[in-house]
C-alpha atoms as a PDB file:
ATOM      1  CA  UNK A   1     -24.748  45.194 -12.786  1.00  0.00           C
ATOM      2  CA  UNK A   2     -27.029  46.215 -15.670  1.00  0.00           C
ATOM      3  CA  UNK A   3     -30.417  44.524 -15.480  1.00  0.00           C
ATOM      4  CA  UNK A   4     -33.589  44.516 -17.585  1.00  0.00           C
ATOM      5  CA  UNK A   5     -37.166  43.230 -17.361  1.00  0.00           C
ATOM      6  CA  UNK A   6     -39.408  43.329 -14.359  1.00  0.00           C
ATOM      7  CA  UNK A   7     -38.664  40.881 -11.554  1.00  0.00           C
ATOM      8  CA  UNK A   8     -39.667  37.273 -12.205  1.00  0.00           C
ATOM      9  CA  UNK A   9     -40.755  34.903  -9.458  1.00  0.00           C
ATOM     10  CA  UNK A  10     -39.214  31.500  -9.933  1.00  0.00           C
ATOM     11  CA  UNK A  11     -38.590  28.306  -8.049  1.00  0.00           C
ATOM     12  CA  UNK A  12     -35.072  27.087  -8.648  1.00  0.00           C
ATOM     13  CA  UNK A  13     -32.681  24.312  -7.736  1.00  0.00           C
ATOM     14  CA  UNK A  14     -29.084  25.150  -6.829  1.00  0.00           C
ATOM     15  CA  UNK A  15     -26.092  22.862  -7.074  1.00  0.00           C
ATOM     16  CA  UNK A  16     -23.071  24.935  -6.004  1.00  0.00           C
ATOM     17  CA  UNK A  17     -22.442  28.560  -5.144  1.00  0.00           C
ATOM     18  CA  UNK A  18     -19.343  30.709  -4.880  1.00  0.00           C
ATOM     19  CA  UNK A  19     -18.248  34.333  -4.769  1.00  0.00           C
ATOM     20  CA  UNK A  20     -21.722  35.797  -5.306  1.00  0.00           C
ATOM     21  CA  UNK A  21     -22.402  33.212  -7.994  1.00  0.00           C
ATOM     22  CA  UNK A  22     -24.742  30.233  -7.950  1.00  0.00           C
ATOM     23  CA  UNK A  23     -25.160  27.458 -10.488  1.00  0.00           C
ATOM     24  CA  UNK A  24     -28.747  26.364 -11.031  1.00  0.00           C
ATOM     25  CA  UNK A  25     -29.956  23.052 -12.433  1.00  0.00           C
ATOM     26  CA  UNK A  26     -33.522  24.049 -13.220  1.00  0.00           C
ATOM     27  CA  UNK A  27     -36.221  26.664 -12.800  1.00  0.00           C
ATOM     28  CA  UNK A  28     -40.028  26.643 -12.532  1.00  0.00           C
ATOM     29  CA  UNK A  29     -41.698  29.984 -13.226  1.00  0.00           C
ATOM     30  CA  UNK A  30     -44.437  30.474 -10.659  1.00  0.00           C
ATOM     31  CA  UNK A  31     -46.641  32.700 -12.830  1.00  0.00           C
ATOM     32  CA  UNK A  32     -47.318  30.171 -15.581  1.00  0.00           C
ATOM     33  CA  UNK A  33     -45.713  26.908 -14.404  1.00  0.00           C
ATOM     34  CA  UNK A  34     -43.155  26.974 -17.232  1.00  0.00           C
ATOM     35  CA  UNK A  35     -40.203  24.706 -16.479  1.00  0.00           C
ATOM     36  CA  UNK A  36     -36.625  25.114 -17.676  1.00  0.00           C
ATOM     37  CA  UNK A  37     -34.275  22.225 -16.902  1.00  0.00           C
ATOM     38  CA  UNK A  38     -30.603  22.869 -17.545  1.00  0.00           C
ATOM     39  CA  UNK A  39     -27.670  24.666 -16.036  1.00  0.00           C
ATOM     40  CA  UNK A  40     -27.869  28.406 -15.492  1.00  0.00           C
ATOM     41  CA  UNK A  41     -26.168  31.055 -13.387  1.00  0.00           C
ATOM     42  CA  UNK A  42     -27.244  33.391 -10.611  1.00  0.00           C
ATOM     43  CA  UNK A  43     -25.324  36.497  -9.647  1.00  0.00           C
ATOM     44  CA  UNK A  44     -25.873  39.140  -7.013  1.00  0.00           C
ATOM     45  CA  UNK A  45     -23.882  42.143  -5.785  1.00  0.00           C
ATOM     46  CA  UNK A  46     -22.089  41.906  -2.442  1.00  0.00           C
ATOM     47  CA  UNK A  47     -19.554  44.068  -0.671  1.00  0.00           C
ATOM     48  CA  UNK A  48     -16.121  42.736   0.285  1.00  0.00           C
ATOM     49  CA  UNK A  49     -17.354  42.486   3.873  1.00  0.00           C
ATOM     50  CA  UNK A  50     -20.440  40.469   2.841  1.00  0.00           C
ATOM     51  CA  UNK A  51     -18.568  38.087   0.542  1.00  0.00           C
ATOM     52  CA  UNK A  52     -17.966  35.392   3.194  1.00  0.00           C
ATOM     53  CA  UNK A  53     -21.291  35.889   4.951  1.00  0.00           C
ATOM     54  CA  UNK A  54     -24.810  34.563   4.373  1.00  0.00           C
ATOM     55  CA  UNK A  55     -25.196  37.336   1.801  1.00  0.00           C
ATOM     56  CA  UNK A  56     -22.242  36.046  -0.232  1.00  0.00           C
ATOM     57  CA  UNK A  57     -20.639  32.598  -0.499  1.00  0.00           C
ATOM     58  CA  UNK A  58     -23.084  31.056   1.969  1.00  0.00           C
ATOM     59  CA  UNK A  59     -26.336  32.463   0.623  1.00  0.00           C
ATOM     60  CA  UNK A  60     -27.324  29.222  -1.148  1.00  0.00           C
ATOM     61  CA  UNK A  61     -26.432  25.578  -0.558  1.00  0.00           C
ATOM     62  CA  UNK A  62     -26.091  22.520  -2.790  1.00  0.00           C
ATOM     63  CA  UNK A  63     -29.449  20.859  -3.424  1.00  0.00           C
ATOM     64  CA  UNK A  64     -31.421  23.839  -2.156  1.00  0.00           C
ATOM     65  CA  UNK A  65     -34.832  24.441  -3.724  1.00  0.00           C
ATOM     66  CA  UNK A  66     -36.075  27.938  -3.038  1.00  0.00           C
ATOM     67  CA  UNK A  67     -38.507  30.602  -4.244  1.00  0.00           C
ATOM     68  CA  UNK A  68     -36.762  33.657  -5.505  1.00  0.00           C
ATOM     69  CA  UNK A  69     -37.237  36.924  -7.387  1.00  0.00           C
ATOM     70  CA  UNK A  70     -34.791  37.545 -10.234  1.00  0.00           C
ATOM     71  CA  UNK A  71     -34.049  39.806 -13.188  1.00  0.00           C
ATOM     72  CA  UNK A  72     -32.570  38.720 -16.505  1.00  0.00           C
ATOM     73  CA  UNK A  73     -29.038  39.917 -17.244  1.00  0.00           C
ATOM     74  CA  UNK A  74     -28.527  42.109 -20.293  1.00  0.00           C
ATOM     75  CA  UNK A  75     -27.194  40.124 -23.257  1.00  0.00           C
ATOM     76  CA  UNK A  76     -23.993  42.155 -23.441  1.00  0.00           C
ATOM     77  CA  UNK A  77     -23.295  41.501 -19.765  1.00  0.00           C
ATOM     78  CA  UNK A  78     -23.938  37.759 -20.056  1.00  0.00           C
ATOM     79  CA  UNK A  79     -21.902  37.410 -23.264  1.00  0.00           C
ATOM     80  CA  UNK A  80     -19.549  34.427 -23.213  1.00  0.00           C
ATOM     81  CA  UNK A  81     -21.439  32.738 -20.382  1.00  0.00           C
ATOM     82  CA  UNK A  82     -24.651  30.748 -20.740  1.00  0.00           C
ATOM     83  CA  UNK A  83     -28.119  31.641 -21.970  1.00  0.00           C
ATOM     84  CA  UNK A  84     -29.646  31.431 -18.496  1.00  0.00           C
ATOM     85  CA  UNK A  85     -27.979  34.220 -16.546  1.00  0.00           C
ATOM     86  CA  UNK A  86     -30.081  35.736 -13.774  1.00  0.00           C
ATOM     87  CA  UNK A  87     -29.598  38.353 -11.086  1.00  0.00           C
ATOM     88  CA  UNK A  88     -31.069  37.838  -7.632  1.00  0.00           C
ATOM     89  CA  UNK A  89     -33.231  40.694  -6.354  1.00  0.00           C
ATOM     90  CA  UNK A  90     -35.104  39.027  -3.482  1.00  0.00           C
ATOM     91  CA  UNK A  91     -35.183  35.665  -1.705  1.00  0.00           C
ATOM     92  CA  UNK A  92     -38.854  34.898  -1.017  1.00  0.00           C
ATOM     93  CA  UNK A  93     -38.649  31.386   0.475  1.00  0.00           C
ATOM     94  CA  UNK A  94     -35.327  29.839   1.457  1.00  0.00           C
ATOM     95  CA  UNK A  95     -36.712  26.309   1.282  1.00  0.00           C
ATOM     96  CA  UNK A  96     -39.711  24.949  -0.551  1.00  0.00           C
ATOM     97  CA  UNK A  97     -40.900  21.778  -2.263  1.00  0.00           C
ATOM     98  CA  UNK A  98     -41.123  21.246  -6.011  1.00  0.00           C
ATOM     99  CA  UNK A  99     -41.594  17.701  -7.396  1.00  0.00           C
ATOM    100  CA  UNK A 100     -40.073  18.546 -10.797  1.00  0.00           C
ATOM    101  CA  UNK A 101     -36.890  19.926  -9.305  1.00  0.00           C
ATOM    102  CA  UNK A 102     -36.677  17.274  -6.618  1.00  0.00           C
ATOM    103  CA  UNK A 103     -36.571  14.705  -9.426  1.00  0.00           C
ATOM    104  CA  UNK A 104     -33.788  16.682 -11.152  1.00  0.00           C
ATOM    105  CA  UNK A 105     -31.712  16.736  -7.969  1.00  0.00           C
ATOM    106  CA  UNK A 106     -32.246  13.017  -7.357  1.00  0.00           C
ATOM    107  CA  UNK A 107     -30.899  12.308 -10.846  1.00  0.00           C
ATOM    108  CA  UNK A 108     -28.010  14.733 -10.396  1.00  0.00           C
ATOM    109  CA  UNK A 109     -26.704  13.083  -7.223  1.00  0.00           C
ATOM    110  CA  UNK A 110     -27.166   9.524  -8.484  1.00  0.00           C
ATOM    111  CA  UNK A 111     -23.709   7.845  -8.376  1.00  0.00           C
ATOM    112  CA  UNK A 112     -22.066   7.145 -11.743  1.00  0.00           C
ATOM    113  CA  UNK A 113     -19.147   4.706 -11.639  1.00  0.00           C
ATOM    114  CA  UNK A 114     -17.209   3.283 -14.585  1.00  0.00           C
ATOM    115  CA  UNK A 115     -15.144   0.134 -14.175  1.00  0.00           C
ATOM    116  CA  UNK A 116     -12.144   0.136 -16.504  1.00  0.00           C
ATOM    117  CA  UNK A 117      -9.752  -2.787 -16.755  1.00  0.00           C
ATOM    118  CA  UNK A 118      -6.697  -0.490 -16.825  1.00  0.00           C
ATOM    119  CA  UNK A 119      -7.874   2.585 -14.891  1.00  0.00           C
ATOM    120  CA  UNK A 120      -9.944   0.811 -12.244  1.00  0.00           C
ATOM    121  CA  UNK A 121     -13.033   2.436 -10.699  1.00  0.00           C
ATOM    122  CA  UNK A 122     -13.806   5.944 -11.912  1.00  0.00           C
ATOM    123  CA  UNK A 123     -16.456   7.976 -10.060  1.00  0.00           C
ATOM    124  CA  UNK A 124     -18.170  10.961 -11.670  1.00  0.00           C
ATOM    125  CA  UNK A 125     -17.953  14.273  -9.823  1.00  0.00           C
ATOM    126  CA  UNK A 126     -20.542  16.409 -11.605  1.00  0.00           C
ATOM    127  CA  UNK A 127     -19.771  19.600  -9.688  1.00  0.00           C
ATOM    128  CA  UNK A 128     -16.157  19.639 -10.876  1.00  0.00           C
ATOM    129  CA  UNK A 129     -16.827  17.933 -14.240  1.00  0.00           C
ATOM    130  CA  UNK A 130     -14.374  15.133 -13.513  1.00  0.00           C
ATOM    131  CA  UNK A 131     -14.095  11.381 -13.199  1.00  0.00           C
ATOM    132  CA  UNK A 132     -11.969  10.533 -10.156  1.00  0.00           C
ATOM    133  CA  UNK A 133      -9.941   7.416  -9.441  1.00  0.00           C
ATOM    134  CA  UNK A 134      -6.514   6.114  -8.455  1.00  0.00           C
ATOM    135  CA  UNK A 135      -3.826   4.424 -10.503  1.00  0.00           C
ATOM    136  CA  UNK A 136      -0.500   2.733  -9.843  1.00  0.00           C
ATOM    137  CA  UNK A 137       2.497   4.825 -10.905  1.00  0.00           C
ATOM    138  CA  UNK A 138       6.147   4.130 -10.030  1.00  0.00           C
ATOM    139  CA  UNK A 139       5.082   1.814  -7.189  1.00  0.00           C
ATOM    140  CA  UNK A 140       2.802   4.485  -5.697  1.00  0.00           C
ATOM    141  CA  UNK A 141      -0.928   5.180  -5.702  1.00  0.00           C
ATOM    142  CA  UNK A 142      -1.663   8.356  -7.652  1.00  0.00           C
ATOM    143  CA  UNK A 143      -4.922  10.334  -7.896  1.00  0.00           C
ATOM    144  CA  UNK A 144      -6.318  10.315 -11.444  1.00  0.00           C
ATOM    145  CA  UNK A 145      -8.807  12.885 -12.768  1.00  0.00           C
ATOM    146  CA  UNK A 146     -10.451  12.793 -16.181  1.00  0.00           C
ATOM    147  CA  UNK A 147     -11.580  16.268 -17.266  1.00  0.00           C
ATOM    148  CA  UNK A 148     -14.861  15.692 -19.136  1.00  0.00           C
ATOM    149  CA  UNK A 149     -18.275  17.122 -20.018  1.00  0.00           C
ATOM    150  CA  UNK A 150     -20.768  15.240 -17.806  1.00  0.00           C
ATOM    151  CA  UNK A 151     -23.471  15.624 -20.471  1.00  0.00           C
ATOM    152  CA  UNK A 152     -21.309  14.409 -23.378  1.00  0.00           C
ATOM    153  CA  UNK A 153     -20.381  10.754 -23.035  1.00  0.00           C
ATOM    154  CA  UNK A 154     -18.041  10.906 -26.000  1.00  0.00           C
ATOM    155  CA  UNK A 155     -15.724  13.015 -23.806  1.00  0.00           C
ATOM    156  CA  UNK A 156     -15.812  10.240 -21.209  1.00  0.00           C
ATOM    157  CA  UNK A 157     -14.546   7.739 -23.765  1.00  0.00           C
ATOM    158  CA  UNK A 158     -11.915  10.061 -25.245  1.00  0.00           C
ATOM    159  CA  UNK A 159     -10.534  11.018 -21.818  1.00  0.00           C
ATOM    160  CA  UNK A 160     -10.324   7.351 -20.799  1.00  0.00           C
ATOM    161  CA  UNK A 161      -8.549   6.467 -24.030  1.00  0.00           C
ATOM    162  CA  UNK A 162      -6.089   9.340 -23.534  1.00  0.00           C
ATOM    163  CA  UNK A 163      -5.383   8.203 -19.976  1.00  0.00           C
ATOM    164  CA  UNK A 164      -4.830   4.611 -21.064  1.00  0.00           C
ATOM    165  CA  UNK A 165      -2.500   5.682 -23.846  1.00  0.00           C
ATOM    166  CA  UNK A 166      -0.394   7.638 -21.363  1.00  0.00           C
ATOM    167  CA  UNK A 167      -0.416   4.844 -18.803  1.00  0.00           C
ATOM    168  CA  UNK A 168       0.582   2.237 -21.357  1.00  0.00           C
ATOM    169  CA  UNK A 169       3.902   4.095 -21.651  1.00  0.00           C
ATOM    170  CA  UNK A 170       4.053   5.461 -18.105  1.00  0.00           C
ATOM    171  CA  UNK A 171       7.760   4.729 -17.595  1.00  0.00           C
ATOM    172  CA  UNK A 172       8.717   6.881 -20.580  1.00  0.00           C
ATOM    173  CA  UNK A 173       6.346   9.667 -19.544  1.00  0.00           C
ATOM    174  CA  UNK A 174       7.570   9.542 -15.940  1.00  0.00           C
ATOM    175  CA  UNK A 175      11.181   9.886 -17.069  1.00  0.00           C
ATOM    176  CA  UNK A 176      10.315  12.686 -19.489  1.00  0.00           C
ATOM    177  CA  UNK A 177       8.424  14.699 -16.872  1.00  0.00           C
ATOM    178  CA  UNK A 178      11.101  14.303 -14.215  1.00  0.00           C
ATOM    179  CA  UNK A 179      13.914  15.262 -16.571  1.00  0.00           C
ATOM    180  CA  UNK A 180      12.018  18.293 -17.898  1.00  0.00           C
ATOM    181  CA  UNK A 181      11.417  19.572 -14.365  1.00  0.00           C
ATOM    182  CA  UNK A 182      15.007  18.858 -13.351  1.00  0.00           C
ATOM    183  CA  UNK A 183      16.431  20.825 -16.273  1.00  0.00           C
ATOM    184  CA  UNK A 184      14.255  23.809 -15.438  1.00  0.00           C
ATOM    185  CA  UNK A 185      14.371  23.867 -11.650  1.00  0.00           C
ATOM    186  CA  UNK A 186      17.638  22.319 -10.374  1.00  0.00           C
ATOM    187  CA  UNK A 187      19.392  25.683 -10.251  1.00  0.00           C
ATOM    188  CA  UNK A 188      16.423  27.201  -8.433  1.00  0.00           C
ATOM    189  CA  UNK A 189      16.358  24.299  -5.970  1.00  0.00           C
ATOM    190  CA  UNK A 190      20.007  25.004  -5.114  1.00  0.00           C
ATOM    191  CA  UNK A 191      19.155  28.660  -4.535  1.00  0.00           C
ATOM    192  CA  UNK A 192      16.397  27.626  -2.120  1.00  0.00           C
ATOM    193  CA  UNK A 193      18.776  25.227  -0.377  1.00  0.00           C
ATOM    194  CA  UNK A 194      21.371  27.978  -0.003  1.00  0.00           C
ATOM    195  CA  UNK A 195      18.747  30.134   1.690  1.00  0.00           C
ATOM    196  CA  UNK A 196      17.815  27.420   4.188  1.00  0.00           C
ATOM    197  CA  UNK A 197      20.071  27.575   7.256  1.00  0.00           C
ATOM    198  CA  UNK A 198      19.355  23.953   8.093  1.00  0.00           C
ATOM    199  CA  UNK A 199      20.393  22.645   4.647  1.00  0.00           C
ATOM    200  CA  UNK A 200      22.664  25.320   3.160  1.00  0.00           C
ATOM    201  CA  UNK A 201      25.745  23.120   3.678  1.00  0.00           C
ATOM    202  CA  UNK A 202      24.163  20.006   2.135  1.00  0.00           C
ATOM    203  CA  UNK A 203      25.574  18.458  -1.024  1.00  0.00           C
ATOM    204  CA  UNK A 204      24.504  20.500  -4.070  1.00  0.00           C
ATOM    205  CA  UNK A 205      21.429  19.209  -5.890  1.00  0.00           C
ATOM    206  CA  UNK A 206      22.082  17.756  -9.332  1.00  0.00           C
ATOM    207  CA  UNK A 207      19.589  17.197 -12.133  1.00  0.00           C
ATOM    208  CA  UNK A 208      19.809  13.469 -11.447  1.00  0.00           C
ATOM    209  CA  UNK A 209      19.078  13.824  -7.714  1.00  0.00           C
ATOM    210  CA  UNK A 210      16.301  16.346  -8.402  1.00  0.00           C
ATOM    211  CA  UNK A 211      14.605  13.930 -10.816  1.00  0.00           C
ATOM    212  CA  UNK A 212      14.814  11.097  -8.271  1.00  0.00           C
ATOM    213  CA  UNK A 213      13.432  13.113  -5.378  1.00  0.00           C
ATOM    214  CA  UNK A 214      10.186  14.406  -6.861  1.00  0.00           C
ATOM    215  CA  UNK A 215       7.225  11.981  -6.961  1.00  0.00           C
ATOM    216  CA  UNK A 216       3.933  12.081  -8.834  1.00  0.00           C
ATOM    217  CA  UNK A 217       0.864  12.570  -6.647  1.00  0.00           C
ATOM    218  CA  UNK A 218      -1.888  13.693  -9.035  1.00  0.00           C
ATOM    219  CA  UNK A 219      -2.607  13.438 -12.763  1.00  0.00           C
ATOM    220  CA  UNK A 220      -5.373  15.149 -14.755  1.00  0.00           C
ATOM    221  CA  UNK A 221      -6.087  14.251 -18.388  1.00  0.00           C
ATOM    222  CA  UNK A 222      -8.558  15.895 -20.772  1.00  0.00           C
ATOM    223  CA  UNK A 223     -10.598  14.394 -23.581  1.00  0.00           C
ATOM    224  CA  UNK A 224      -8.304  16.229 -26.001  1.00  0.00           C
ATOM    225  CA  UNK A 225      -5.180  14.515 -24.702  1.00  0.00           C
ATOM    226  CA  UNK A 226      -3.735  17.340 -22.585  1.00  0.00           C
ATOM    227  CA  UNK A 227      -2.407  16.449 -19.156  1.00  0.00           C
ATOM    228  CA  UNK A 228      -1.352  18.188 -15.950  1.00  0.00           C
ATOM    229  CA  UNK A 229       0.790  16.312 -13.442  1.00  0.00           C
ATOM    230  CA  UNK A 230       1.578  17.389  -9.884  1.00  0.00           C
ATOM    231  CA  UNK A 231       4.756  16.118  -8.234  1.00  0.00           C
ATOM    232  CA  UNK A 232       5.539  16.302  -4.530  1.00  0.00           C
ATOM    233  CA  UNK A 233       8.771  18.269  -4.168  1.00  0.00           C
ATOM    234  CA  UNK A 234      10.413  16.353  -1.268  1.00  0.00           C
ATOM    235  CA  UNK A 235      10.874  19.784   0.389  1.00  0.00           C
ATOM    236  CA  UNK A 236      13.085  21.048  -2.431  1.00  0.00           C
ATOM    237  CA  UNK A 237      10.784  24.081  -2.479  1.00  0.00           C
ATOM    238  CA  UNK A 238       9.565  23.822   1.115  1.00  0.00           C
ATOM    239  CA  UNK A 239       6.430  21.865   0.293  1.00  0.00           C
ATOM    240  CA  UNK A 240       5.334  23.499  -2.960  1.00  0.00           C
ATOM    241  CA  UNK A 241       4.255  21.237  -5.819  1.00  0.00           C
ATOM    242  CA  UNK A 242       5.954  20.869  -9.180  1.00  0.00           C
ATOM    243  CA  UNK A 243       3.310  21.219 -11.907  1.00  0.00           C
ATOM    244  CA  UNK A 244       4.110  19.712 -15.297  1.00  0.00           C
ATOM    245  CA  UNK A 245       1.873  20.131 -18.353  1.00  0.00           C
ATOM    246  CA  UNK A 246       1.843  18.733 -21.852  1.00  0.00           C
ATOM    247  CA  UNK A 247      -0.075  16.780 -24.466  1.00  0.00           C
ATOM    248  CA  UNK A 248       0.117  13.262 -25.822  1.00  0.00           C
ATOM    249  CA  UNK A 249       1.125  14.655 -29.211  1.00  0.00           C
ATOM    250  CA  UNK A 250       3.649  17.308 -28.182  1.00  0.00           C
ATOM    251  CA  UNK A 251       5.036  15.769 -25.010  1.00  0.00           C
ATOM    252  CA  UNK A 252       5.935  17.844 -21.957  1.00  0.00           C
ATOM    253  CA  UNK A 253       5.615  21.561 -22.706  1.00  0.00           C
ATOM    254  CA  UNK A 254       5.656  23.492 -19.424  1.00  0.00           C
ATOM    255  CA  UNK A 255       6.599  23.247 -15.742  1.00  0.00           C
ATOM    256  CA  UNK A 256       5.881  25.563 -12.795  1.00  0.00           C
ATOM    257  CA  UNK A 257       6.207  25.692  -9.024  1.00  0.00           C
ATOM    258  CA  UNK A 258       2.730  26.015  -7.496  1.00  0.00           C
ATOM    259  CA  UNK A 259       0.931  25.855  -4.185  1.00  0.00           C
END
């Protein structure tokens, strides 16, 4: 990585880390006490061997407040990311106290639950930028996720409205998604069946039987009205999921086999 500036000593608060990356919620600069509250990113070089060790994925933990030496990333290297992109050069104290950052973490982990008359209880998951809940769909309980910006409450409202619009006509959407997947994948499902010694002599799968057999398990909806639905495949594809995507305006637009 290309780095500039001399090393800066900072106290920082981490929320999640992955693949030599860490997301920070705030920083206090030890030299002058300057405080920056807001999301930023840490990055540090690791070898393939170190990636799953305490030098890689496991170097920092959620809620950790530590004292660290960093360098600022060059603008051209941080382009397209955020304005607070730092590179770790040395971990000075793995755990320390900092009242300002402790208050930030306490606020971050405070539960946020919305009660909606149609969608039920929705719980905010800040790490994954989602509201999570369950809904009734075709006589089954289905996981519902609203893809939102935790800091922008207008996205909360728009995602809820999009979900309620879809659910108000769930029978039509359910039929549309099943039929779209059946048209695309029935032939493939028969190929898989022919390759399965246990089921190769079963009755051929039709579009109608394909559509009946798959069942919705998970639905994600964005504030912009896009949705992604995951259907259990009833072993048509040996346990893979059928992913169906679309928008409220355009309807179903794409289907894939995933997992």
